[in-house]
């Protein structure tokens, strides 16, 4: 029996004038006259620019050449094929002031060495061991909820994610430790947007109240982490946490030995920032979307009840439940499609090179915006709608089976793909199931039906996630 040929994915559409050095894009004058500036409102700016100028566009900002790629094929070229031409984006380069030389901010060859050393800490078996921690902490968080109340679940997800990362990274359950970590993370997050400024290194050193808080937070966190490192090196025991793995890791491939205390510190700070912020935001958006879609919530509740049991047989989630929660996985995936916590990826050209017939100058900034690609109607049917079934296997709905791989890249790609992706999936899926098994979520009375967003280093809900809670009958 013959079958219809599979439709090919659309090729990139690139606009340019004859003989132009760069692709077309918005001029400064047009942006100023329209009040359409990246820093004022980056999400509509990037989406609107993609609609007007195609899949590879160019403009100038702050004296730099900016290239924005809006097609999966170009995203793959930027993040994989052309990775050798790139350094980290400007923000991550400047972030070394607070993050050090961790995986988020370091350059090769240091980055590749650190990734080799850190990889065992995120091995599948190691991540599976953290499933019980995730389930227990999720139950502890929701135990404080009261039926009928309205809560800001973004606050709750931030605290829950912080407790999990404190336990999995440091094997710590001390609220005093978590409070110090929370203060440091918030201070670091307030500094990172300032990295766009040309003189951010000088700004960091000024005796301003904000800079004083950031520097003090770094000192507090360094005191905590270096103290834990010294303690672990003294007793030389594996306590089952990521810190133990980082300390014991040996570079057998290149024979460069183990990490120094400073390198371990940098990876711990990076794990705290990346592991807490992005997962908490992804969960917050997922809960908001579930509350807005009762049918999806009912399907999620049925799956969670079957997997985790109810009533007197109810138990906390563990890693072994993960395969039985495909719809929870689909809900978390769809939330990160619509509201990707990392909403754009930036790289800086370390050298001039040619791309698609255009010159990429040294120092140019290249952007691959998940916010744009994840909502492209060429690759996603009804792209602004919450449809978790897109991510069920086999593919369901009307989305094309030929959707390119890089139409979805919430955890980046290539050598810079998030090393903690597996842990993030485990955390997101188990927490969604734990909440859905016991609670029904609804929009808070009088709450707007759309979210105001805060796109800075990560994508956050600007006004939190206020939802009304109702405990489900056993």
Protein backbone atom coordinates (compact mmCIF):
# COMPACT_ATOMS: atom_id res chain seq x y z
CA UNK A 1 0.00 0.00 0.00
CA UNK A 2 1.43 3.36 -1.00
CA UNK A 3 1.57 6.25 1.42
CA UNK A 4 1.66 9.98 0.78
CA UNK A 5 5.13 11.49 0.86
CA UNK A 6 6.08 13.21 4.09
CA UNK A 7 6.08 16.99 3.62
CA UNK A 8 9.48 18.61 3.88
CA UNK A 9 10.13 21.24 6.50
CA UNK A 10 10.15 24.81 5.11
CA UNK A 11 13.58 26.18 4.28
CA UNK A 12 14.84 29.38 5.92
CA UNK A 13 13.54 32.61 4.41
CA UNK A 14 16.31 35.22 4.42
CA UNK A 15 15.69 38.74 3.14
CA UNK A 16 18.48 41.00 1.90
CA UNK A 17 19.18 43.70 -0.63
CA UNK A 18 21.33 42.78 -3.66
CA UNK A 19 24.99 42.85 -2.70
CA UNK A 20 24.26 43.63 0.96
CA UNK A 21 26.83 42.61 3.57
CA UNK A 22 24.12 41.72 6.06
CA UNK A 23 20.55 40.38 6.02
CA UNK A 24 17.67 42.85 6.25
CA UNK A 25 16.48 44.03 9.63
CA UNK A 26 14.94 46.93 11.55
CA UNK A 27 16.80 50.23 11.31
CA UNK A 28 17.54 52.30 14.40
CA UNK A 29 15.35 55.15 13.12
CA UNK A 30 12.35 52.88 12.58
CA UNK A 31 12.82 51.31 16.01
CA UNK A 32 13.03 54.67 17.76
CA UNK A 33 10.03 56.14 15.93
CA UNK A 34 7.91 53.08 16.71
CA UNK A 35 9.15 52.83 20.30
CA UNK A 36 10.11 49.28 19.38
CA UNK A 37 13.39 48.78 21.20
CA UNK A 38 14.81 45.46 22.37
CA UNK A 39 15.53 46.56 25.92
CA UNK A 40 12.09 48.07 26.43
CA UNK A 41 10.13 44.97 25.43
CA UNK A 42 12.29 42.22 23.96
CA UNK A 43 9.65 39.54 23.41
CA UNK A 44 7.37 41.45 21.01
CA UNK A 45 10.43 43.09 19.45
CA UNK A 46 11.98 39.74 18.55
CA UNK A 47 8.70 38.19 17.40
CA UNK A 48 7.74 41.24 15.33
CA UNK A 49 11.18 41.49 13.75
CA UNK A 50 11.01 37.82 12.73
CA UNK A 51 7.62 38.35 11.09
CA UNK A 52 8.82 41.39 9.13
CA UNK A 53 12.35 40.38 8.17
CA UNK A 54 12.44 36.60 8.05
CA UNK A 55 14.61 33.88 9.50
CA UNK A 56 17.97 35.65 9.70
CA UNK A 57 17.89 39.36 10.43
CA UNK A 58 20.44 42.01 11.35
CA UNK A 59 20.44 45.30 13.21
CA UNK A 60 22.83 47.44 15.25
CA UNK A 61 22.56 48.09 18.99
CA UNK A 62 25.01 49.65 21.44
CA UNK A 63 27.64 49.72 18.68
CA UNK A 64 27.39 45.99 18.01
CA UNK A 65 26.13 43.94 15.09
CA UNK A 66 23.18 41.78 16.19
CA UNK A 67 22.04 38.72 14.22
CA UNK A 68 18.79 36.98 15.16
CA UNK A 69 18.06 33.52 13.73
CA UNK A 70 14.46 32.33 13.78
CA UNK A 71 14.51 28.98 11.97
CA UNK A 72 15.46 25.54 13.41
CA UNK A 73 17.99 24.95 10.63
CA UNK A 74 19.76 28.22 11.47
CA UNK A 75 19.57 27.52 15.19
CA UNK A 76 21.35 24.22 14.62
CA UNK A 77 24.02 25.92 12.52
CA UNK A 78 24.56 28.59 15.16
CA UNK A 79 24.67 26.32 18.21
CA UNK A 80 26.35 23.25 16.70
CA UNK A 81 28.12 23.70 13.36
CA UNK A 82 29.43 27.20 14.07
CA UNK A 83 30.07 26.75 17.78
CA UNK A 84 33.83 26.86 17.21
CA UNK A 85 33.52 30.48 16.06
CA UNK A 86 31.72 31.63 19.21
CA UNK A 87 32.32 32.68 22.77
CA UNK A 88 29.61 32.98 25.37
CA UNK A 89 27.12 35.83 25.16
CA UNK A 90 27.93 39.18 26.74
CA UNK A 91 25.83 38.59 29.85
CA UNK A 92 27.47 35.26 30.62
CA UNK A 93 30.93 36.72 29.99
CA UNK A 94 30.27 39.50 32.49
CA UNK A 95 28.60 37.03 34.86
CA UNK A 96 32.04 35.67 35.71
CA UNK A 97 32.20 38.49 38.25
CA UNK A 98 29.70 36.59 40.40
CA UNK A 99 29.58 33.06 38.94
CA UNK A 100 33.30 32.53 38.37
CA UNK A 101 34.38 30.03 35.72
CA UNK A 102 31.45 27.64 35.94
CA UNK A 103 29.81 25.80 33.06
CA UNK A 104 27.46 28.70 32.33
CA UNK A 105 30.16 31.32 31.94
CA UNK A 106 33.48 29.66 31.07
CA UNK A 107 35.05 29.31 27.62
CA UNK A 108 36.85 26.40 25.99
CA UNK A 109 39.09 24.57 26.67
CA UNK A 110 38.31 25.16 30.37
CA UNK A 111 34.60 24.61 29.73
CA UNK A 112 35.11 21.20 28.09
CA UNK A 113 37.37 20.04 30.93
CA UNK A 114 34.84 21.13 33.54
CA UNK A 115 32.04 19.44 31.64
CA UNK A 116 33.98 16.15 31.55
CA UNK A 117 34.59 16.39 35.29
CA UNK A 118 31.01 17.35 36.16
CA UNK A 119 29.28 14.85 33.85
CA UNK A 120 29.30 11.90 36.31
CA UNK A 121 27.43 14.02 38.86
CA UNK A 122 24.50 14.14 36.42
CA UNK A 123 24.57 10.49 35.34
CA UNK A 124 21.15 8.86 34.97
CA UNK A 125 21.64 6.61 38.00
CA UNK A 126 22.70 9.55 40.14
CA UNK A 127 19.69 11.60 39.06
CA UNK A 128 17.36 8.68 39.76
CA UNK A 129 18.61 8.66 43.36
CA UNK A 130 17.27 12.19 43.76
CA UNK A 131 13.73 11.20 42.78
CA UNK A 132 12.73 10.40 46.36
CA UNK A 133 14.11 13.75 47.54
CA UNK A 134 11.98 15.53 44.93
CA UNK A 135 8.84 13.60 45.90
CA UNK A 136 9.35 14.08 49.64
CA UNK A 137 10.02 17.80 49.34
CA UNK A 138 7.01 18.28 47.06
CA UNK A 139 4.80 16.60 49.68
CA UNK A 140 6.31 18.77 52.41
CA UNK A 141 5.56 21.92 50.42
CA UNK A 142 1.93 21.09 49.66
CA UNK A 143 1.29 19.93 53.25
CA UNK A 144 1.21 23.61 54.24
CA UNK A 145 -1.48 24.44 51.67
CA UNK A 146 -5.10 24.91 52.75
CA UNK A 147 -8.14 24.10 50.66
CA UNK A 148 -9.91 27.22 49.44
CA UNK A 149 -6.94 29.55 49.83
CA UNK A 150 -5.25 31.57 47.10
CA UNK A 151 -1.46 31.35 47.02
CA UNK A 152 1.33 32.67 44.84
CA UNK A 153 2.66 29.36 43.55
CA UNK A 154 5.67 31.03 41.97
CA UNK A 155 6.92 31.78 45.48
CA UNK A 156 6.20 28.19 46.49
CA UNK A 157 7.98 26.74 43.46
CA UNK A 158 11.03 28.92 44.06
CA UNK A 159 11.24 27.77 47.67
CA UNK A 160 10.62 24.13 46.74
CA UNK A 161 13.24 24.19 44.00
CA UNK A 162 15.70 25.86 46.37
CA UNK A 163 15.18 23.18 49.01
CA UNK A 164 15.70 20.45 46.43
CA UNK A 165 18.87 21.98 45.03
CA UNK A 166 20.20 22.54 48.57
CA UNK A 167 19.62 18.89 49.41
CA UNK A 168 20.87 17.38 46.15
CA UNK A 169 23.90 19.67 45.93
CA UNK A 170 24.99 19.96 49.57
CA UNK A 171 22.90 17.30 51.37
CA UNK A 172 21.61 20.18 53.49
CA UNK A 173 18.16 20.52 55.02
CA UNK A 174 18.98 23.59 57.09
CA UNK A 175 16.65 26.51 56.45
CA UNK A 176 19.43 28.92 57.49
CA UNK A 177 21.60 27.56 54.67
CA UNK A 178 18.70 27.83 52.21
CA UNK A 179 18.07 31.41 53.28
CA UNK A 180 21.68 32.38 52.59
CA UNK A 181 21.51 30.66 49.22
CA UNK A 182 18.21 32.40 48.37
CA UNK A 183 19.62 35.84 49.20
CA UNK A 184 22.69 35.19 47.08
CA UNK A 185 20.68 33.93 44.11
CA UNK A 186 18.38 36.94 44.17
CA UNK A 187 21.35 39.32 44.43
CA UNK A 188 23.13 37.61 41.54
CA UNK A 189 19.97 37.71 39.42
CA UNK A 190 19.67 41.45 40.05
CA UNK A 191 23.23 41.97 38.79
CA UNK A 192 23.11 39.88 35.61
CA UNK A 193 20.84 42.25 33.62
CA UNK A 194 23.39 45.02 34.32
CA UNK A 195 25.97 42.99 32.42
CA UNK A 196 24.56 44.54 29.24
CA UNK A 197 26.10 47.84 30.32
CA UNK A 198 29.58 48.59 28.89
CA UNK A 199 31.04 49.48 32.29
CA UNK A 200 29.43 46.73 34.36
CA UNK A 201 32.82 45.63 35.78
CA UNK A 202 33.35 49.12 37.18
CA UNK A 203 29.75 49.33 38.37
CA UNK A 204 30.25 46.12 40.35
CA UNK A 205 33.08 47.76 42.34
CA UNK A 206 31.20 50.96 43.24
CA UNK A 207 30.01 51.45 46.86
CA UNK A 208 26.35 51.48 45.84
CA UNK A 209 23.72 49.77 48.03
CA UNK A 210 22.86 47.21 45.32
CA UNK A 211 26.51 46.42 44.62
CA UNK A 212 27.21 46.16 48.36
CA UNK A 213 24.44 43.55 48.64
CA UNK A 214 25.77 41.60 45.67
CA UNK A 215 29.34 41.59 46.97
CA UNK A 216 28.15 40.63 50.47
CA UNK A 217 26.05 37.81 49.01
CA UNK A 218 29.09 36.52 47.17
CA UNK A 219 31.14 36.60 50.38
CA UNK A 220 28.38 34.78 52.30
CA UNK A 221 28.01 32.11 49.63
CA UNK A 222 31.78 31.66 49.30
CA UNK A 223 32.09 31.21 53.06
CA UNK A 224 29.36 28.56 53.00
CA UNK A 225 30.62 26.66 49.97
CA UNK A 226 34.32 26.74 50.80
CA UNK A 227 33.47 25.57 54.31
CA UNK A 228 31.55 22.59 52.94
CA UNK A 229 34.36 21.79 50.50
CA UNK A 230 36.93 21.77 53.30
CA UNK A 231 34.66 19.54 55.40
CA UNK A 232 34.19 17.04 52.56
CA UNK A 233 37.88 16.92 51.70
CA UNK A 234 38.67 16.24 55.36
CA UNK A 235 36.29 13.26 55.79
CA UNK A 236 36.66 12.01 52.19
CA UNK A 237 33.19 10.43 52.12
CA UNK A 238 30.60 10.33 49.37
CA UNK A 239 27.45 11.72 50.97
CA UNK A 240 25.36 11.03 47.90
CA UNK A 241 25.17 14.66 46.78
CA UNK A 242 26.52 16.56 43.80
CA UNK A 243 29.22 18.24 45.88
CA UNK A 244 30.75 14.86 46.72
CA UNK A 245 30.78 13.96 43.05
CA UNK A 246 32.40 17.23 42.01
CA UNK A 247 35.14 16.86 44.61
CA UNK A 248 35.92 13.25 43.72
CA UNK A 249 35.78 13.68 39.92
CA UNK A 250 38.99 12.86 38.01
CA UNK A 251 39.77 13.81 34.43
CA UNK A 252 40.92 10.43 33.15
CA UNK A 253 40.44 11.41 29.49
CA UNK A 254 43.00 14.22 29.42
CA UNK A 255 44.80 13.37 32.67
CA UNK A 256 44.37 16.84 34.17
CA UNK A 257 43.42 15.58 37.62
CA UNK A 258 40.59 16.83 39.78
CA UNK A 259 38.95 20.20 40.35
CA UNK A 260 40.51 22.81 42.58
CA UNK A 261 38.46 24.25 45.43
CA UNK A 262 37.80 27.34 43.31
CA UNK A 263 36.55 25.25 40.40
CA UNK A 264 34.25 23.26 42.67
CA UNK A 265 32.95 26.52 44.12
CA UNK A 266 32.22 27.92 40.65
CA UNK A 267 30.27 24.82 39.61
CA UNK A 268 28.29 24.87 42.85
CA UNK A 269 27.29 28.52 42.33
CA UNK A 270 26.35 27.76 38.73
CA UNK A 271 24.24 24.76 39.79
CA UNK A 272 22.49 26.86 42.42
CA UNK A 273 21.59 29.58 39.97
CA UNK A 274 20.67 27.43 36.97
CA UNK A 275 19.12 24.56 38.91
CA UNK A 276 16.87 26.75 41.02
CA UNK A 277 15.80 29.58 38.73
CA UNK A 278 14.86 27.81 35.50
CA UNK A 279 13.07 24.84 37.08
CA UNK A 280 11.04 27.04 39.43
CA UNK A 281 9.96 29.25 36.53
CA UNK A 282 9.09 26.31 34.30
CA UNK A 283 6.96 24.75 37.03
CA UNK A 284 5.23 28.06 37.75
CA UNK A 285 4.21 28.49 34.13
CA UNK A 286 3.08 24.86 33.94
CA UNK A 287 0.83 25.25 36.99
CA UNK A 288 -0.69 28.45 35.61
CA UNK A 289 -1.45 26.76 32.28
CA UNK A 290 -2.96 23.71 33.96
CA UNK A 291 -5.23 25.94 36.03
CA UNK A 292 -6.38 27.63 32.82
CA UNK A 293 -7.22 24.31 31.12
CA UNK A 294 -9.53 22.09 33.23
CA UNK A 295 -9.62 19.19 30.73
CA UNK A 296 -5.84 18.91 30.71
CA UNK A 297 -5.83 19.19 34.50
CA UNK A 298 -8.33 16.35 34.82
CA UNK A 299 -6.21 14.13 32.56
CA UNK A 300 -3.12 14.98 34.60
CA UNK A 301 -4.96 14.24 37.85
CA UNK A 302 -6.14 10.85 36.60
CA UNK A 303 -2.61 9.90 35.55
CA UNK A 304 -1.08 11.08 38.83
CA UNK A 305 -3.71 9.25 40.91
CA UNK A 306 -3.07 6.02 39.04
CA UNK A 307 0.72 6.31 39.35
CA UNK A 308 0.97 7.53 42.97
CA UNK A 309 -2.24 6.01 44.39
CA UNK A 310 -4.71 7.86 46.60
CA UNK A 311 -6.26 7.67 50.05
CA UNK A 312 -4.59 5.34 52.53
CA UNK A 313 -2.41 3.90 49.75
CA UNK A 314 -1.08 7.30 48.63
CA UNK A 315 2.70 7.65 48.58
CA UNK A 316 5.27 10.24 47.61
CA UNK A 317 6.66 10.23 44.10
CA UNK A 318 9.99 8.58 43.30
CA UNK A 319 12.12 8.19 40.19
CA UNK A 320 10.50 4.83 39.44
CA UNK A 321 7.21 6.68 38.81
CA UNK A 322 8.68 8.84 36.06
CA UNK A 323 7.93 6.42 33.15
CA UNK A 324 4.28 6.20 34.29
CA UNK A 325 3.77 9.98 33.95
CA UNK A 326 3.89 10.73 30.20
CA UNK A 327 1.13 13.35 30.36
CA UNK A 328 2.86 15.17 33.22
CA UNK A 329 5.99 15.16 31.05
CA UNK A 330 3.95 16.52 28.13
CA UNK A 331 2.48 19.31 30.29
CA UNK A 332 5.91 20.38 31.51
CA UNK A 333 7.30 20.24 27.97
CA UNK A 334 4.44 22.28 26.54
CA UNK A 335 4.82 24.88 29.31
CA UNK A 336 8.48 25.29 28.40
CA UNK A 337 7.50 25.64 24.76
CA UNK A 338 5.07 28.45 25.43
CA UNK A 339 7.04 30.10 28.24
CA UNK A 340 10.67 28.98 27.94
CA UNK A 341 12.54 29.95 31.13
CA UNK A 342 15.60 30.50 28.91
CA UNK A 343 13.87 32.64 26.30
CA UNK A 344 16.87 33.38 24.07
CA UNK A 345 20.41 32.06 23.68
CA UNK A 346 23.25 34.45 22.90
CA UNK A 347 26.71 33.91 21.49
CA UNK A 348 29.50 36.35 20.61
CA UNK A 349 31.56 35.89 17.45
CA UNK A 350 35.15 35.27 18.56
CA UNK A 351 36.41 35.73 15.00
CA UNK A 352 34.99 36.85 11.65
CA UNK A 353 33.41 34.14 9.52
CA UNK A 354 30.91 33.62 6.69
CA UNK A 355 27.37 32.40 7.32
CA UNK A 356 24.82 31.88 4.57
CA UNK A 357 26.76 34.25 2.33
CA UNK A 358 26.97 37.04 4.91
CA UNK A 359 29.89 38.36 6.90
CA UNK A 360 29.71 37.81 10.67
CA UNK A 361 32.13 40.37 12.16
CA UNK A 362 34.21 39.62 15.24
CA UNK A 363 32.32 40.78 18.33
CA UNK A 364 28.89 40.40 16.71
CA UNK A 365 26.12 39.06 18.93
CA UNK A 366 24.08 36.11 17.65
CA UNK A 367 20.67 35.34 19.12
CA UNK A 368 18.59 32.16 18.91
CA UNK A 369 15.27 33.04 20.59
CA UNK A 370 13.26 30.11 21.91
CA UNK A 371 10.41 32.59 22.39
CA UNK A 372 10.15 33.02 18.61
CA UNK A 373 11.00 29.53 17.33
CA UNK A 374 8.82 27.72 19.87
CA UNK A 375 5.80 29.71 18.66
CA UNK A 376 6.39 29.53 14.90
CA UNK A 377 3.20 28.37 13.11
CA UNK A 378 5.30 26.66 10.43
CA UNK A 379 6.35 24.07 13.00
CA UNK A 380 3.59 24.22 15.62
CA UNK A 381 -0.11 24.01 14.78
CA UNK A 382 -2.06 26.61 16.77
CA UNK A 383 1.21 27.73 18.33
CA UNK A 384 -0.20 29.96 21.09
CA UNK A 385 -2.50 27.24 22.47
CA UNK A 386 -1.63 24.91 25.35
CA UNK A 387 -1.72 21.45 23.81
CA UNK A 388 0.31 18.94 25.86
CA UNK A 389 -0.61 16.12 23.44
CA UNK A 390 2.02 17.52 21.05
CA UNK A 391 4.63 15.79 23.19
CA UNK A 392 2.96 12.42 23.59
CA UNK A 393 4.31 9.44 21.65
CA UNK A 394 3.39 8.66 18.98
CA UNK A 395 2.87 12.31 17.99
CA UNK A 396 -0.78 13.32 18.29
CA UNK A 397 -2.76 16.23 16.92
CA UNK A 398 -2.19 18.08 13.70
CA UNK A 399 1.42 19.12 14.21
CA UNK A 400 3.67 17.91 11.36
CA UNK A 401 5.60 14.72 12.05
CA UNK A 402 8.51 16.32 10.20
CA UNK A 403 9.00 19.08 12.78
CA UNK A 404 12.75 19.80 12.88
CA UNK A 405 14.65 18.87 16.03
CA UNK A 406 15.66 22.46 16.70
CA UNK A 407 12.10 23.75 16.61
CA UNK A 408 12.28 22.98 20.36
CA UNK A 409 15.39 23.65 22.41
CA UNK A 410 14.49 24.69 25.98
CA UNK A 411 17.85 23.43 27.30
CA UNK A 412 20.03 24.82 24.48
CA UNK A 413 22.06 22.43 22.29
CA UNK A 414 25.52 21.28 21.30
CA UNK A 415 28.44 21.35 23.71
CA UNK A 416 26.60 23.99 25.76
CA UNK A 417 23.43 21.94 26.24
CA UNK A 418 22.36 22.11 29.88
CA UNK A 419 24.19 19.40 31.81
CA UNK A 420 21.37 19.26 34.37
CA UNK A 421 18.59 18.69 31.83
CA UNK A 422 17.79 15.20 33.11
CA UNK A 423 17.43 16.43 36.67
CA UNK A 424 15.20 19.30 35.54
CA UNK A 425 12.85 16.91 33.72
CA UNK A 426 12.70 14.61 36.75
CA UNK A 427 11.94 17.52 39.06
CA UNK A 428 9.31 19.10 36.82
CA UNK A 429 7.41 15.87 36.09
CA UNK A 430 7.37 14.49 39.65
CA UNK A 431 6.33 17.79 41.21
CA UNK A 432 3.50 18.32 38.72
CA UNK A 433 2.23 14.80 39.43
CA UNK A 434 2.52 15.26 43.20
CA UNK A 435 0.46 18.46 43.08
CA UNK A 436 -2.13 17.15 40.61
CA UNK A 437 -2.77 13.99 42.63
CA UNK A 438 -3.92 16.01 45.65
CA UNK A 439 -5.02 19.43 44.40
CA UNK A 440 -7.22 21.18 41.88
CA UNK A 441 -5.92 24.55 40.70
CA UNK A 442 -8.03 27.43 39.45
CA UNK A 443 -7.32 31.03 38.48
CA UNK A 444 -7.49 33.38 41.44
CA UNK A 445 -10.76 35.33 41.60
CA UNK A 446 -10.45 38.48 39.53
CA UNK A 447 -7.06 37.47 38.14
CA UNK A 448 -6.31 38.44 34.50
CA UNK A 449 -6.46 35.66 31.91
CA UNK A 450 -3.04 36.56 30.50
CA UNK A 451 0.34 36.63 32.17
CA UNK A 452 2.54 39.66 32.37
CA UNK A 453 6.09 38.49 31.71
CA UNK A 454 9.44 39.68 32.97
CA UNK A 455 12.12 38.70 30.41
CA UNK A 456 15.48 39.39 31.98
CA UNK A 457 18.18 36.74 32.31
CA UNK A 458 15.37 34.20 32.61
CA UNK A 459 11.67 34.49 31.84
CA UNK A 460 9.68 35.08 35.01
CA UNK A 461 6.00 35.79 35.69
CA UNK A 462 5.93 39.51 36.51
CA UNK A 463 3.09 39.31 39.04
CA UNK A 464 3.69 35.82 40.37
CA UNK A 465 1.28 32.90 39.87
CA UNK A 466 -1.73 33.48 42.17
CA UNK A 467 -3.97 30.39 42.05
CA UNK A 468 -6.87 29.13 44.12
CA UNK A 469 -6.37 25.69 45.67
CA UNK A 470 -8.93 23.00 46.34
CA UNK A 471 -7.94 19.72 47.95
CA UNK A 472 -9.17 16.70 45.99
CA UNK A 473 -11.26 14.08 47.74
CA UNK A 474 -9.38 10.83 48.33
